[in-house]
């Protein structure tokens, strides 16, 4: 875990991206592909992703809820 620099970011999976927003004076975070504006399979990441300086793998989602019998 932990924050990593963009030179090691994968480009085909969603990750947590972070960048410093000087206007707001704080870190901004969003999830997405670290693509720097690449277009892959109809997906475009032309947002703040291009400003990201660090990334972190996303944790696995929670297990699917189970449906109890009779409910």
C-alpha atoms as a PDB file:
ATOM      1  CA  UNK A   1       0.000   0.000   0.000  1.00  0.00           C
ATOM      2  CA  UNK A   2       0.920   3.606   0.346  1.00  0.00           C
ATOM      3  CA  UNK A   3       1.285   6.453  -2.121  1.00  0.00           C
ATOM      4  CA  UNK A   4       3.493   5.941  -5.174  1.00  0.00           C
ATOM      5  CA  UNK A   5       4.777   8.299  -7.841  1.00  0.00           C
ATOM      6  CA  UNK A   6       3.130   8.373 -11.266  1.00  0.00           C
ATOM      7  CA  UNK A   7       6.097   6.791 -13.041  1.00  0.00           C
ATOM      8  CA  UNK A   8       4.969   3.437 -11.604  1.00  0.00           C
ATOM      9  CA  UNK A   9       1.205   3.831 -12.186  1.00  0.00           C
ATOM     10  CA  UNK A  10      -0.679   1.189 -14.180  1.00  0.00           C
ATOM     11  CA  UNK A  11      -2.704   2.588 -17.077  1.00  0.00           C
ATOM     12  CA  UNK A  12      -5.462   0.036 -17.611  1.00  0.00           C
ATOM     13  CA  UNK A  13      -7.036  -0.220 -14.147  1.00  0.00           C
ATOM     14  CA  UNK A  14      -8.762   2.221 -11.811  1.00  0.00           C
ATOM     15  CA  UNK A  15      -6.597   3.561  -8.989  1.00  0.00           C
ATOM     16  CA  UNK A  16      -6.800   6.383  -6.439  1.00  0.00           C
ATOM     17  CA  UNK A  17      -5.117   9.477  -7.910  1.00  0.00           C
ATOM     18  CA  UNK A  18      -3.929  12.539  -5.981  1.00  0.00           C
ATOM     19  CA  UNK A  19      -2.686  15.982  -6.999  1.00  0.00           C
ATOM     20  CA  UNK A  20      -1.994  19.269  -5.228  1.00  0.00           C
ATOM     21  CA  UNK A  21      -4.566  21.977  -6.027  1.00  0.00           C
ATOM     22  CA  UNK A  22      -2.754  25.279  -5.504  1.00  0.00           C
ATOM     23  CA  UNK A  23      -5.984  27.257  -5.977  1.00  0.00           C
ATOM     24  CA  UNK A  24      -7.680  25.460  -3.099  1.00  0.00           C
ATOM     25  CA  UNK A  25      -4.470  24.944  -1.158  1.00  0.00           C
ATOM     26  CA  UNK A  26      -4.903  21.222  -0.604  1.00  0.00           C
ATOM     27  CA  UNK A  27      -4.695  17.738  -2.002  1.00  0.00           C
ATOM     28  CA  UNK A  28      -7.441  16.553  -4.364  1.00  0.00           C
ATOM     29  CA  UNK A  29      -8.190  12.876  -4.915  1.00  0.00           C
ATOM     30  CA  UNK A  30     -10.265  10.963  -7.422  1.00  0.00           C
ATOM     31  CA  UNK A  31     -10.469   7.466  -8.791  1.00  0.00           C
ATOM     32  CA  UNK A  32      -9.737   6.614 -12.385  1.00  0.00           C
ATOM     33  CA  UNK A  33      -7.126   5.376 -14.800  1.00  0.00           C
ATOM     34  CA  UNK A  34      -3.730   7.056 -14.690  1.00  0.00           C
ATOM     35  CA  UNK A  35      -3.871   7.739 -18.388  1.00  0.00           C
ATOM     36  CA  UNK A  36      -2.740  11.345 -18.804  1.00  0.00           C
ATOM     37  CA  UNK A  37      -5.491  11.790 -21.398  1.00  0.00           C
ATOM     38  CA  UNK A  38      -5.145   8.501 -23.205  1.00  0.00           C
ATOM     39  CA  UNK A  39      -8.238   7.165 -24.956  1.00  0.00           C
ATOM     40  CA  UNK A  40      -8.645   3.420 -24.556  1.00  0.00           C
ATOM     41  CA  UNK A  41     -11.627   1.367 -25.728  1.00  0.00           C
ATOM     42  CA  UNK A  42     -13.824   4.463 -25.881  1.00  0.00           C
ATOM     43  CA  UNK A  43     -12.851   5.596 -22.376  1.00  0.00           C
ATOM     44  CA  UNK A  44     -11.348   9.059 -22.092  1.00  0.00           C
ATOM     45  CA  UNK A  45      -9.668  10.407 -18.972  1.00  0.00           C
ATOM     46  CA  UNK A  46      -9.308  14.038 -19.997  1.00  0.00           C
ATOM     47  CA  UNK A  47     -10.036  15.316 -16.485  1.00  0.00           C
ATOM     48  CA  UNK A  48      -7.809  16.206 -13.579  1.00  0.00           C
ATOM     49  CA  UNK A  49      -6.216  12.769 -13.943  1.00  0.00           C
ATOM     50  CA  UNK A  50      -3.549  14.438 -16.063  1.00  0.00           C
ATOM     51  CA  UNK A  51      -2.509  16.514 -13.042  1.00  0.00           C
ATOM     52  CA  UNK A  52      -2.020  13.517 -10.775  1.00  0.00           C
ATOM     53  CA  UNK A  53       1.419  13.252  -9.171  1.00  0.00           C
ATOM     54  CA  UNK A  54       0.763  10.197  -6.961  1.00  0.00           C
ATOM     55  CA  UNK A  55      -1.362   7.071  -7.052  1.00  0.00           C
ATOM     56  CA  UNK A  56      -2.419   4.206  -4.785  1.00  0.00           C
ATOM     57  CA  UNK A  57      -4.113   0.856  -5.525  1.00  0.00           C
ATOM     58  CA  UNK A  58      -7.786   0.703  -4.602  1.00  0.00           C
ATOM     59  CA  UNK A  59      -8.768  -1.838  -1.949  1.00  0.00           C
ATOM     60  CA  UNK A  60     -10.939  -4.748  -2.973  1.00  0.00           C
ATOM     61  CA  UNK A  61     -14.666  -3.970  -2.758  1.00  0.00           C
ATOM     62  CA  UNK A  62     -16.737  -5.555  -0.008  1.00  0.00           C
ATOM     63  CA  UNK A  63     -18.097  -9.037  -0.604  1.00  0.00           C
ATOM     64  CA  UNK A  64     -21.477  -9.212  -2.304  1.00  0.00           C
ATOM     65  CA  UNK A  65     -24.316  -9.303   0.194  1.00  0.00           C
ATOM     66  CA  UNK A  66     -25.910 -12.689   0.608  1.00  0.00           C
ATOM     67  CA  UNK A  67     -29.624 -13.155   0.397  1.00  0.00           C
ATOM     68  CA  UNK A  68     -30.963 -15.149   3.306  1.00  0.00           C
ATOM     69  CA  UNK A  69     -33.512 -17.847   2.495  1.00  0.00           C
ATOM     70  CA  UNK A  70     -37.079 -16.757   3.079  1.00  0.00           C
ATOM     71  CA  UNK A  71     -36.435 -13.025   2.731  1.00  0.00           C
END
